[in-house]
Amino acid sequence: EKRGGARSRLLKGGLIAFSGRHATMPCVVRDISDGGARLQVAQGTAVPDTFELIIELDGLEVQCLVVWRKAQEVG
């Protein structure tokens, strides 16, 4: 386990926004920590390297950088 902070398991809807928020795609936040998150998406390769993660229920808007990808997940 290389993670610096404790992660909290979630199952919460989110939005990946990019291109100045002109383009978006839905995601499910599977877990989150101070240093990152694991997002479930329809296609991991379609997620840009940098984007803004928006979780409206929590009022969270944060800039993100993808550090790993799998078929239907990014982190």
PDB file of N, CA and C in Angstrom:
ATOM      1  N   GLU A   1       0.838  -1.177   0.000  1.00  0.00           N
ATOM      2  CA  GLU A   1       0.000   0.000   0.000  1.00  0.00           C
ATOM      3  C   GLU A   1       0.881   1.238   0.000  1.00  0.00           C
ATOM      4  N   LYS A   2       0.822   2.019  -1.077  1.00  0.00           N
ATOM      5  CA  LYS A   2       1.650   3.209  -1.221  1.00  0.00           C
ATOM      6  C   LYS A   2       0.905   4.488  -0.847  1.00  0.00           C
ATOM      7  N   ARG A   3      -0.372   4.382  -0.568  1.00  0.00           N
ATOM      8  CA  ARG A   3      -1.199   5.550  -0.309  1.00  0.00           C
ATOM      9  C   ARG A   3      -0.784   6.224   0.988  1.00  0.00           C
ATOM     10  N   GLY A   4      -0.675   7.563   0.957  1.00  0.00           N
ATOM     11  CA  GLY A   4      -0.250   8.316   2.132  1.00  0.00           C
ATOM     12  C   GLY A   4      -1.362   8.539   3.139  1.00  0.00           C
ATOM     13  N   GLY A   5      -2.600   8.707   2.669  1.00  0.00           N
ATOM     14  CA  GLY A   5      -3.716   8.976   3.561  1.00  0.00           C
ATOM     15  C   GLY A   5      -4.739   7.855   3.523  1.00  0.00           C
ATOM     16  N   ALA A   6      -5.581   7.827   4.527  1.00  0.00           N
ATOM     17  CA  ALA A   6      -6.634   6.821   4.588  1.00  0.00           C
ATOM     18  C   ALA A   6      -7.678   7.110   3.524  1.00  0.00           C
ATOM     19  N   ARG A   7      -8.204   6.062   2.936  1.00  0.00           N
ATOM     20  CA  ARG A   7      -9.231   6.261   1.913  1.00  0.00           C
ATOM     21  C   ARG A   7     -10.595   5.890   2.485  1.00  0.00           C
ATOM     22  N   SER A   8     -11.597   6.562   2.004  1.00  0.00           N
ATOM     23  CA  SER A   8     -12.980   6.304   2.396  1.00  0.00           C
ATOM     24  C   SER A   8     -13.708   5.716   1.205  1.00  0.00           C
ATOM     25  N   ARG A   9     -14.352   4.583   1.424  1.00  0.00           N
ATOM     26  CA  ARG A   9     -15.102   3.957   0.345  1.00  0.00           C
ATOM     27  C   ARG A   9     -16.403   4.721   0.136  1.00  0.00           C
ATOM     28  N   LEU A  10     -16.735   4.957  -1.125  1.00  0.00           N
ATOM     29  CA  LEU A  10     -17.938   5.705  -1.486  1.00  0.00           C
ATOM     30  C   LEU A  10     -18.659   5.016  -2.628  1.00  0.00           C
ATOM     31  N   LEU A  11     -19.833   5.442  -2.870  1.00  0.00           N
ATOM     32  CA  LEU A  11     -20.577   5.082  -4.067  1.00  0.00           C
ATOM     33  C   LEU A  11     -21.426   6.307  -4.385  1.00  0.00           C
ATOM     34  N   LYS A  12     -20.767   7.311  -4.942  1.00  0.00           N
ATOM     35  CA  LYS A  12     -21.389   8.612  -5.130  1.00  0.00           C
ATOM     36  C   LYS A  12     -21.202   9.071  -6.569  1.00  0.00           C
ATOM     37  N   GLY A  13     -22.235   9.628  -7.139  1.00  0.00           N
ATOM     38  CA  GLY A  13     -22.165  10.127  -8.502  1.00  0.00           C
ATOM     39  C   GLY A  13     -21.325  11.384  -8.595  1.00  0.00           C
ATOM     40  N   GLY A  14     -20.557  11.487  -9.660  1.00  0.00           N
ATOM     41  CA  GLY A  14     -19.730  12.658  -9.900  1.00  0.00           C
ATOM     42  C   GLY A  14     -19.730  13.011 -11.371  1.00  0.00           C
ATOM     43  N   LEU A  15     -19.020  14.060 -11.676  1.00  0.00           N
ATOM     44  CA  LEU A  15     -18.929  14.529 -13.046  1.00  0.00           C
ATOM     45  C   LEU A  15     -17.485  14.882 -13.348  1.00  0.00           C
ATOM     46  N   ILE A  16     -16.974  14.387 -14.453  1.00  0.00           N
ATOM     47  CA  ILE A  16     -15.648  14.731 -14.945  1.00  0.00           C
ATOM     48  C   ILE A  16     -15.850  15.846 -15.969  1.00  0.00           C
ATOM     49  N   ALA A  17     -15.263  17.010 -15.705  1.00  0.00           N
ATOM     50  CA  ALA A  17     -15.421  18.164 -16.594  1.00  0.00           C
ATOM     51  C   ALA A  17     -14.064  18.545 -17.170  1.00  0.00           C
ATOM     52  N   PHE A  18     -14.042  18.861 -18.462  1.00  0.00           N
ATOM     53  CA  PHE A  18     -12.797  19.249 -19.125  1.00  0.00           C
ATOM     54  C   PHE A  18     -13.115  20.181 -20.279  1.00  0.00           C
ATOM     55  N   SER A  19     -12.103  20.666 -20.952  1.00  0.00           N
ATOM     56  CA  SER A  19     -12.259  21.637 -22.042  1.00  0.00           C
ATOM     57  C   SER A  19     -13.042  22.865 -21.563  1.00  0.00           C
ATOM     58  N   GLY A  20     -12.586  23.403 -20.425  1.00  0.00           N
ATOM     59  CA  GLY A  20     -13.244  24.589 -19.887  1.00  0.00           C
ATOM     60  C   GLY A  20     -14.673  24.334 -19.446  1.00  0.00           C
ATOM     61  N   ARG A  21     -14.952  23.118 -19.042  1.00  0.00           N
ATOM     62  CA  ARG A  21     -16.288  22.659 -18.621  1.00  0.00           C
ATOM     63  C   ARG A  21     -17.278  22.593 -19.772  1.00  0.00           C
ATOM     64  N   HIS A  22     -16.790  22.641 -20.995  1.00  0.00           N
ATOM     65  CA  HIS A  22     -17.674  22.502 -22.150  1.00  0.00           C
ATOM     66  C   HIS A  22     -17.969  21.032 -22.440  1.00  0.00           C
ATOM     67  N   ALA A  23     -17.137  20.136 -21.915  1.00  0.00           N
ATOM     68  CA  ALA A  23     -17.338  18.701 -22.097  1.00  0.00           C
ATOM     69  C   ALA A  23     -17.361  18.040 -20.721  1.00  0.00           C
ATOM     70  N   THR A  24     -18.281  17.095 -20.547  1.00  0.00           N
ATOM     71  CA  THR A  24     -18.395  16.389 -19.270  1.00  0.00           C
ATOM     72  C   THR A  24     -18.697  14.925 -19.521  1.00  0.00           C
ATOM     73  N   MET A  25     -18.410  14.104 -18.518  1.00  0.00           N
ATOM     74  CA  MET A  25     -18.820  12.704 -18.540  1.00  0.00           C
ATOM     75  C   MET A  25     -19.112  12.272 -17.109  1.00  0.00           C
ATOM     76  N   PRO A  26     -20.133  11.446 -16.949  1.00  0.00           N
ATOM     77  CA  PRO A  26     -20.483  10.998 -15.604  1.00  0.00           C
ATOM     78  C   PRO A  26     -19.476   9.974 -15.088  1.00  0.00           C
ATOM     79  N   CYS A  27     -19.375   9.889 -13.765  1.00  0.00           N
ATOM     80  CA  CYS A  27     -18.528   8.896 -13.135  1.00  0.00           C
ATOM     81  C   CYS A  27     -19.139   8.513 -11.790  1.00  0.00           C
ATOM     82  N   VAL A  28     -18.633   7.447 -11.219  1.00  0.00           N
ATOM     83  CA  VAL A  28     -19.000   7.041  -9.869  1.00  0.00           C
ATOM     84  C   VAL A  28     -17.724   7.068  -9.044  1.00  0.00           C
ATOM     85  N   VAL A  29     -17.745   7.801  -7.949  1.00  0.00           N
ATOM     86  CA  VAL A  29     -16.588   7.875  -7.053  1.00  0.00           C
ATOM     87  C   VAL A  29     -16.648   6.639  -6.157  1.00  0.00           C
ATOM     88  N   ARG A  30     -15.679   5.742  -6.330  1.00  0.00           N
ATOM     89  CA  ARG A  30     -15.658   4.491  -5.574  1.00  0.00           C
ATOM     90  C   ARG A  30     -14.936   4.623  -4.239  1.00  0.00           C
ATOM     91  N   ASP A  31     -13.869   5.391  -4.203  1.00  0.00           N
ATOM     92  CA  ASP A  31     -13.215   5.739  -2.944  1.00  0.00           C
ATOM     93  C   ASP A  31     -12.449   7.039  -3.125  1.00  0.00           C
ATOM     94  N   ILE A  32     -12.150   7.680  -1.992  1.00  0.00           N
ATOM     95  CA  ILE A  32     -11.496   8.981  -2.044  1.00  0.00           C
ATOM     96  C   ILE A  32     -10.616   9.130  -0.811  1.00  0.00           C
ATOM     97  N   SER A  33      -9.503   9.845  -0.979  1.00  0.00           N
ATOM     98  CA  SER A  33      -8.591  10.143   0.128  1.00  0.00           C
ATOM     99  C   SER A  33      -8.117  11.577  -0.047  1.00  0.00           C
ATOM    100  N   ASP A  34      -7.278  12.051   0.862  1.00  0.00           N
ATOM    101  CA  ASP A  34      -6.736  13.406   0.735  1.00  0.00           C
ATOM    102  C   ASP A  34      -5.914  13.557  -0.540  1.00  0.00           C
ATOM    103  N   GLY A  35      -5.297  12.470  -1.008  1.00  0.00           N
ATOM    104  CA  GLY A  35      -4.410  12.554  -2.157  1.00  0.00           C
ATOM    105  C   GLY A  35      -4.975  12.058  -3.466  1.00  0.00           C
ATOM    106  N   GLY A  36      -6.198  11.536  -3.485  1.00  0.00           N
ATOM    107  CA  GLY A  36      -6.711  11.025  -4.741  1.00  0.00           C
ATOM    108  C   GLY A  36      -8.062  10.360  -4.614  1.00  0.00           C
ATOM    109  N   ALA A  37      -8.490   9.780  -5.731  1.00  0.00           N
ATOM    110  CA  ALA A  37      -9.786   9.118  -5.789  1.00  0.00           C
ATOM    111  C   ALA A  37      -9.741   8.020  -6.845  1.00  0.00           C
ATOM    112  N   ARG A  38     -10.629   7.058  -6.691  1.00  0.00           N
ATOM    113  CA  ARG A  38     -10.818   6.014  -7.706  1.00  0.00           C
ATOM    114  C   ARG A  38     -12.188   6.233  -8.300  1.00  0.00           C
ATOM    115  N   LEU A  39     -12.209   6.472  -9.621  1.00  0.00           N
ATOM    116  CA  LEU A  39     -13.442   6.783 -10.318  1.00  0.00           C
ATOM    117  C   LEU A  39     -13.794   5.663 -11.278  1.00  0.00           C
ATOM    118  N   GLN A  40     -15.043   5.272 -11.289  1.00  0.00           N
ATOM    119  CA  GLN A  40     -15.544   4.284 -12.243  1.00  0.00           C
ATOM    120  C   GLN A  40     -16.197   5.059 -13.384  1.00  0.00           C
ATOM    121  N   VAL A  41     -15.780   4.729 -14.601  1.00  0.00           N
ATOM    122  CA  VAL A  41     -16.275   5.411 -15.798  1.00  0.00           C
ATOM    123  C   VAL A  41     -16.630   4.378 -16.852  1.00  0.00           C
ATOM    124  N   ALA A  42     -17.349   4.806 -17.881  1.00  0.00           N
ATOM    125  CA  ALA A  42     -17.719   3.884 -18.952  1.00  0.00           C
ATOM    126  C   ALA A  42     -16.487   3.388 -19.699  1.00  0.00           C
ATOM    127  N   GLN A  43     -15.525   4.280 -19.927  1.00  0.00           N
ATOM    128  CA  GLN A  43     -14.310   3.918 -20.649  1.00  0.00           C
ATOM    129  C   GLN A  43     -13.146   4.755 -20.120  1.00  0.00           C
ATOM    130  N   GLY A  44     -12.230   4.102 -19.417  1.00  0.00           N
ATOM    131  CA  GLY A  44     -11.109   4.801 -18.799  1.00  0.00           C
ATOM    132  C   GLY A  44     -10.222   5.537 -19.780  1.00  0.00           C
ATOM    133  N   THR A  45     -10.096   5.020 -20.988  1.00  0.00           N
ATOM    134  CA  THR A  45      -9.225   5.666 -21.969  1.00  0.00           C
ATOM    135  C   THR A  45      -9.820   6.965 -22.501  1.00  0.00           C
ATOM    136  N   ALA A  46     -11.113   7.193 -22.295  1.00  0.00           N
ATOM    137  CA  ALA A  46     -11.756   8.424 -22.772  1.00  0.00           C
ATOM    138  C   ALA A  46     -11.561   9.596 -21.818  1.00  0.00           C
ATOM    139  N   VAL A  47     -11.085   9.335 -20.603  1.00  0.00           N
ATOM    140  CA  VAL A  47     -10.884  10.394 -19.616  1.00  0.00           C
ATOM    141  C   VAL A  47      -9.579  11.117 -19.935  1.00  0.00           C
ATOM    142  N   PRO A  48      -9.617  12.456 -20.034  1.00  0.00           N
ATOM    143  CA  PRO A  48      -8.379  13.198 -20.313  1.00  0.00           C
ATOM    144  C   PRO A  48      -7.398  13.118 -19.147  1.00  0.00           C
ATOM    145  N   ASP A  49      -6.137  13.439 -19.409  1.00  0.00           N
ATOM    146  CA  ASP A  49      -5.101  13.368 -18.376  1.00  0.00           C
ATOM    147  C   ASP A  49      -5.356  14.337 -17.218  1.00  0.00           C
ATOM    148  N   THR A  50      -5.936  15.483 -17.502  1.00  0.00           N
ATOM    149  CA  THR A  50      -6.305  16.440 -16.459  1.00  0.00           C
ATOM    150  C   THR A  50      -7.770  16.815 -16.633  1.00  0.00           C
ATOM    151  N   PHE A  51      -8.450  17.004 -15.516  1.00  0.00           N
ATOM    152  CA  PHE A  51      -9.866  17.345 -15.553  1.00  0.00           C
ATOM    153  C   PHE A  51     -10.278  17.901 -14.199  1.00  0.00           C
ATOM    154  N   GLU A  52     -11.503  18.360 -14.120  1.00  0.00           N
ATOM    155  CA  GLU A  52     -12.066  18.819 -12.857  1.00  0.00           C
ATOM    156  C   GLU A  52     -13.107  17.802 -12.410  1.00  0.00           C
ATOM    157  N   LEU A  53     -12.982  17.315 -11.187  1.00  0.00           N
ATOM    158  CA  LEU A  53     -13.960  16.397 -10.617  1.00  0.00           C
ATOM    159  C   LEU A  53     -14.972  17.220  -9.841  1.00  0.00           C
ATOM    160  N   ILE A  54     -16.238  17.018 -10.165  1.00  0.00           N
ATOM    161  CA  ILE A  54     -17.322  17.744  -9.511  1.00  0.00           C
ATOM    162  C   ILE A  54     -18.240  16.734  -8.831  1.00  0.00           C
ATOM    163  N   ILE A  55     -18.394  16.892  -7.523  1.00  0.00           N
ATOM    164  CA  ILE A  55     -19.356  16.086  -6.775  1.00  0.00           C
ATOM    165  C   ILE A  55     -20.355  17.085  -6.194  1.00  0.00           C
ATOM    166  N   GLU A  56     -21.464  17.264  -6.894  1.00  0.00           N
ATOM    167  CA  GLU A  56     -22.416  18.316  -6.549  1.00  0.00           C
ATOM    168  C   GLU A  56     -22.991  18.144  -5.154  1.00  0.00           C
ATOM    169  N   LEU A  57     -23.286  16.917  -4.736  1.00  0.00           N
ATOM    170  CA  LEU A  57     -23.876  16.685  -3.410  1.00  0.00           C
ATOM    171  C   LEU A  57     -23.002  17.214  -2.282  1.00  0.00           C
ATOM    172  N   ASP A  58     -21.687  17.170  -2.478  1.00  0.00           N
ATOM    173  CA  ASP A  58     -20.744  17.621  -1.452  1.00  0.00           C
ATOM    174  C   ASP A  58     -20.230  19.037  -1.697  1.00  0.00           C
ATOM    175  N   GLY A  59     -20.611  19.641  -2.828  1.00  0.00           N
ATOM    176  CA  GLY A  59     -20.089  20.950  -3.181  1.00  0.00           C
ATOM    177  C   GLY A  59     -18.598  20.908  -3.493  1.00  0.00           C
ATOM    178  N   LEU A  60     -18.112  19.751  -3.954  1.00  0.00           N
ATOM    179  CA  LEU A  60     -16.689  19.553  -4.218  1.00  0.00           C
ATOM    180  C   LEU A  60     -16.376  19.801  -5.687  1.00  0.00           C
ATOM    181  N   GLU A  61     -15.374  20.621  -5.932  1.00  0.00           N
ATOM    182  CA  GLU A  61     -14.848  20.866  -7.271  1.00  0.00           C
ATOM    183  C   GLU A  61     -13.339  20.899  -7.134  1.00  0.00           C
ATOM    184  N   VAL A  62     -12.644  19.932  -7.727  1.00  0.00           N
ATOM    185  CA  VAL A  62     -11.197  19.825  -7.538  1.00  0.00           C
ATOM    186  C   VAL A  62     -10.515  19.462  -8.862  1.00  0.00           C
ATOM    187  N   GLN A  63      -9.357  20.069  -9.100  1.00  0.00           N
ATOM    188  CA  GLN A  63      -8.561  19.749 -10.281  1.00  0.00           C
ATOM    189  C   GLN A  63      -7.877  18.403 -10.070  1.00  0.00           C
ATOM    190  N   CYS A  64      -7.870  17.563 -11.099  1.00  0.00           N
ATOM    191  CA  CYS A  64      -7.323  16.214 -10.980  1.00  0.00           C
ATOM    192  C   CYS A  64      -6.328  15.920 -12.101  1.00  0.00           C
ATOM    193  N   LEU A  65      -5.416  15.026 -11.789  1.00  0.00           N
ATOM    194  CA  LEU A  65      -4.439  14.516 -12.737  1.00  0.00           C
ATOM    195  C   LEU A  65      -4.505  12.994 -12.672  1.00  0.00           C
ATOM    196  N   VAL A  66      -4.724  12.344 -13.799  1.00  0.00           N
ATOM    197  CA  VAL A  66      -4.812  10.882 -13.837  1.00  0.00           C
ATOM    198  C   VAL A  66      -3.408  10.300 -13.665  1.00  0.00           C
ATOM    199  N   VAL A  67      -3.251   9.384 -12.705  1.00  0.00           N
ATOM    200  CA  VAL A  67      -1.964   8.725 -12.496  1.00  0.00           C
ATOM    201  C   VAL A  67      -2.010   7.244 -12.861  1.00  0.00           C
ATOM    202  N   TRP A  68      -3.218   6.683 -13.011  1.00  0.00           N
ATOM    203  CA  TRP A  68      -3.353   5.311 -13.503  1.00  0.00           C
ATOM    204  C   TRP A  68      -4.712   5.152 -14.174  1.00  0.00           C
ATOM    205  N   ARG A  69      -4.776   4.157 -15.063  1.00  0.00           N
ATOM    206  CA  ARG A  69      -6.006   3.854 -15.809  1.00  0.00           C
ATOM    207  C   ARG A  69      -6.199   2.353 -15.912  1.00  0.00           C
ATOM    208  N   LYS A  70      -7.433   1.935 -15.867  1.00  0.00           N
ATOM    209  CA  LYS A  70      -7.826   0.564 -16.180  1.00  0.00           C
ATOM    210  C   LYS A  70      -9.003   0.658 -17.132  1.00  0.00           C
ATOM    211  N   ALA A  71      -9.556  -0.460 -17.527  1.00  0.00           N
ATOM    212  CA  ALA A  71     -10.621  -0.470 -18.521  1.00  0.00           C
ATOM    213  C   ALA A  71     -11.771   0.474 -18.166  1.00  0.00           C
ATOM    214  N   GLN A  72     -12.268   0.396 -16.940  1.00  0.00           N
ATOM    215  CA  GLN A  72     -13.400   1.239 -16.549  1.00  0.00           C
ATOM    216  C   GLN A  72     -13.128   2.023 -15.265  1.00  0.00           C
ATOM    217  N   GLU A  73     -11.869   2.268 -14.963  1.00  0.00           N
ATOM    218  CA  GLU A  73     -11.521   3.035 -13.778  1.00  0.00           C
ATOM    219  C   GLU A  73     -10.316   3.927 -14.061  1.00  0.00           C
ATOM    220  N   VAL A  74     -10.279   5.052 -13.338  1.00  0.00           N
ATOM    221  CA  VAL A  74      -9.103   5.923 -13.344  1.00  0.00           C
ATOM    222  C   VAL A  74      -8.827   6.342 -11.915  1.00  0.00           C
ATOM    223  N   GLY A  75      -7.583   6.690 -11.648  1.00  0.00           N
ATOM    224  CA  GLY A  75      -7.224   7.139 -10.302  1.00  0.00           C
ATOM    225  C   GLY A  75      -6.249   8.290 -10.380  1.00  0.00           C
TER     226      GLY A  75
END
